[in-house]
Structure formats: structure tokens, C-alpha cells
Amino acid sequence: MSHDFYIFLSYAITFGLIGVAALWTWLDGRARQRELKALDAAGIRRRSSQPTGDEGEQR
């Protein structure tokens, strides 16, 4: 076996792991967006969102 095999294998494993991490991050982001939409539909708002109506008045 040559060194080329080990180099190719290390690159393939590295790219595979980076691909898995990117896919996992993308899928997790989609899941969090679905959760936020479900909470928003249930009337639960994020603290960072702008309040509407009387809740947003300053005294």
C-alpha cells in the first residue's frame, strides 16, 4: 500500500465529517425554525420581538 491511499483516506474522512456536521447543523436549524413557528402560532412570543398594542407603550 502506498502513502497515497492514507492521504486519500484522511481527506475523505475529513470531508465526510465536515459534510455530516454541515448537514446536522442545517437539519437542526430547520427543526428550531419549526419549533419557533409552533410557539409563535400558540401565542408565545420571543423577548427580542417587538410587542404590539398596549404592551409596547412606554411610561
C-alpha atoms as a PDB file:
ATOM      1  CA  MET A   1       0.000   0.000   0.000  1.00  0.00           C
ATOM      2  CA  SER A   2       1.216   3.446  -0.808  1.00  0.00           C
ATOM      3  CA  HIS A   3       1.051   6.653   1.104  1.00  0.00           C
ATOM      4  CA  ASP A   4      -1.438   7.949  -1.432  1.00  0.00           C
ATOM      5  CA  PHE A   5      -4.083   5.628  -0.001  1.00  0.00           C
ATOM      6  CA  TYR A   6      -3.658   7.039   3.506  1.00  0.00           C
ATOM      7  CA  ILE A   7      -3.698  10.621   2.246  1.00  0.00           C
ATOM      8  CA  PHE A   8      -6.838   9.993   0.189  1.00  0.00           C
ATOM      9  CA  LEU A   9      -8.495   8.211   3.107  1.00  0.00           C
ATOM     10  CA  SER A  10      -7.705  11.039   5.525  1.00  0.00           C
ATOM     11  CA  TYR A  11      -9.117  13.630   3.116  1.00  0.00           C
ATOM     12  CA  ALA A  12     -12.235  11.515   2.513  1.00  0.00           C
ATOM     13  CA  ILE A  13     -12.847  11.086   6.247  1.00  0.00           C
ATOM     14  CA  THR A  14     -12.298  14.809   6.864  1.00  0.00           C
ATOM     15  CA  PHE A  15     -14.678  15.877   4.093  1.00  0.00           C
ATOM     16  CA  GLY A  16     -17.191  13.293   5.263  1.00  0.00           C
ATOM     17  CA  LEU A  17     -17.128  14.606   8.821  1.00  0.00           C
ATOM     18  CA  ILE A  18     -17.428  18.204   7.635  1.00  0.00           C
ATOM     19  CA  GLY A  19     -20.379  17.176   5.462  1.00  0.00           C
ATOM     20  CA  VAL A  20     -22.069  15.410   8.374  1.00  0.00           C
ATOM     21  CA  ALA A  21     -21.548  18.441  10.616  1.00  0.00           C
ATOM     22  CA  ALA A  22     -22.963  20.787   7.961  1.00  0.00           C
ATOM     23  CA  LEU A  23     -25.965  18.533   7.358  1.00  0.00           C
ATOM     24  CA  TRP A  24     -26.607  18.195  11.089  1.00  0.00           C
ATOM     25  CA  THR A  25     -26.420  21.972  11.552  1.00  0.00           C
ATOM     26  CA  TRP A  26     -28.813  22.573   8.642  1.00  0.00           C
ATOM     27  CA  LEU A  27     -31.338  19.986   9.848  1.00  0.00           C
ATOM     28  CA  ASP A  28     -31.152  21.282  13.432  1.00  0.00           C
ATOM     29  CA  GLY A  29     -31.736  24.840  12.195  1.00  0.00           C
ATOM     30  CA  ARG A  30     -34.829  23.716  10.327  1.00  0.00           C
ATOM     31  CA  ALA A  31     -36.114  21.940  13.435  1.00  0.00           C
ATOM     32  CA  ARG A  32     -35.564  25.048  15.579  1.00  0.00           C
ATOM     33  CA  GLN A  33     -37.414  27.177  12.985  1.00  0.00           C
ATOM     34  CA  ARG A  34     -40.363  24.759  13.115  1.00  0.00           C
ATOM     35  CA  GLU A  35     -40.372  24.976  16.918  1.00  0.00           C
ATOM     36  CA  LEU A  36     -40.321  28.785  16.802  1.00  0.00           C
ATOM     37  CA  LYS A  37     -43.209  28.833  14.329  1.00  0.00           C
ATOM     38  CA  ALA A  38     -45.214  26.467  16.544  1.00  0.00           C
ATOM     39  CA  LEU A  39     -44.580  28.636  19.593  1.00  0.00           C
ATOM     40  CA  ASP A  40     -45.466  31.766  17.634  1.00  0.00           C
ATOM     41  CA  ALA A  41     -48.706  30.147  16.455  1.00  0.00           C
ATOM     42  CA  ALA A  42     -49.502  29.264  20.074  1.00  0.00           C
ATOM     43  CA  GLY A  43     -49.131  32.927  21.017  1.00  0.00           C
ATOM     44  CA  ILE A  44     -45.803  32.623  22.789  1.00  0.00           C
ATOM     45  CA  ARG A  45     -43.543  35.467  21.680  1.00  0.00           C
ATOM     46  CA  ARG A  46     -39.795  35.868  21.844  1.00  0.00           C
ATOM     47  CA  ARG A  47     -38.396  38.539  24.123  1.00  0.00           C
ATOM     48  CA  SER A  48     -36.489  40.050  21.209  1.00  0.00           C
ATOM     49  CA  SER A  49     -39.640  40.600  19.130  1.00  0.00           C
ATOM     50  CA  GLN A  50     -41.383  43.950  19.180  1.00  0.00           C
ATOM     51  CA  PRO A  51     -44.508  43.948  21.368  1.00  0.00           C
ATOM     52  CA  THR A  52     -47.760  45.064  19.778  1.00  0.00           C
ATOM     53  CA  GLY A  53     -50.690  47.019  21.194  1.00  0.00           C
ATOM     54  CA  ASP A  54     -50.740  48.329  24.759  1.00  0.00           C
ATOM     55  CA  GLU A  55     -47.863  46.055  25.808  1.00  0.00           C
ATOM     56  CA  GLY A  56     -45.358  48.206  23.897  1.00  0.00           C
ATOM     57  CA  GLU A  57     -46.204  51.568  25.426  1.00  0.00           C
ATOM     58  CA  GLN A  58     -43.518  53.263  27.470  1.00  0.00           C
ATOM     59  CA  ARG A  59     -44.430  55.048  30.703  1.00  0.00           C
END
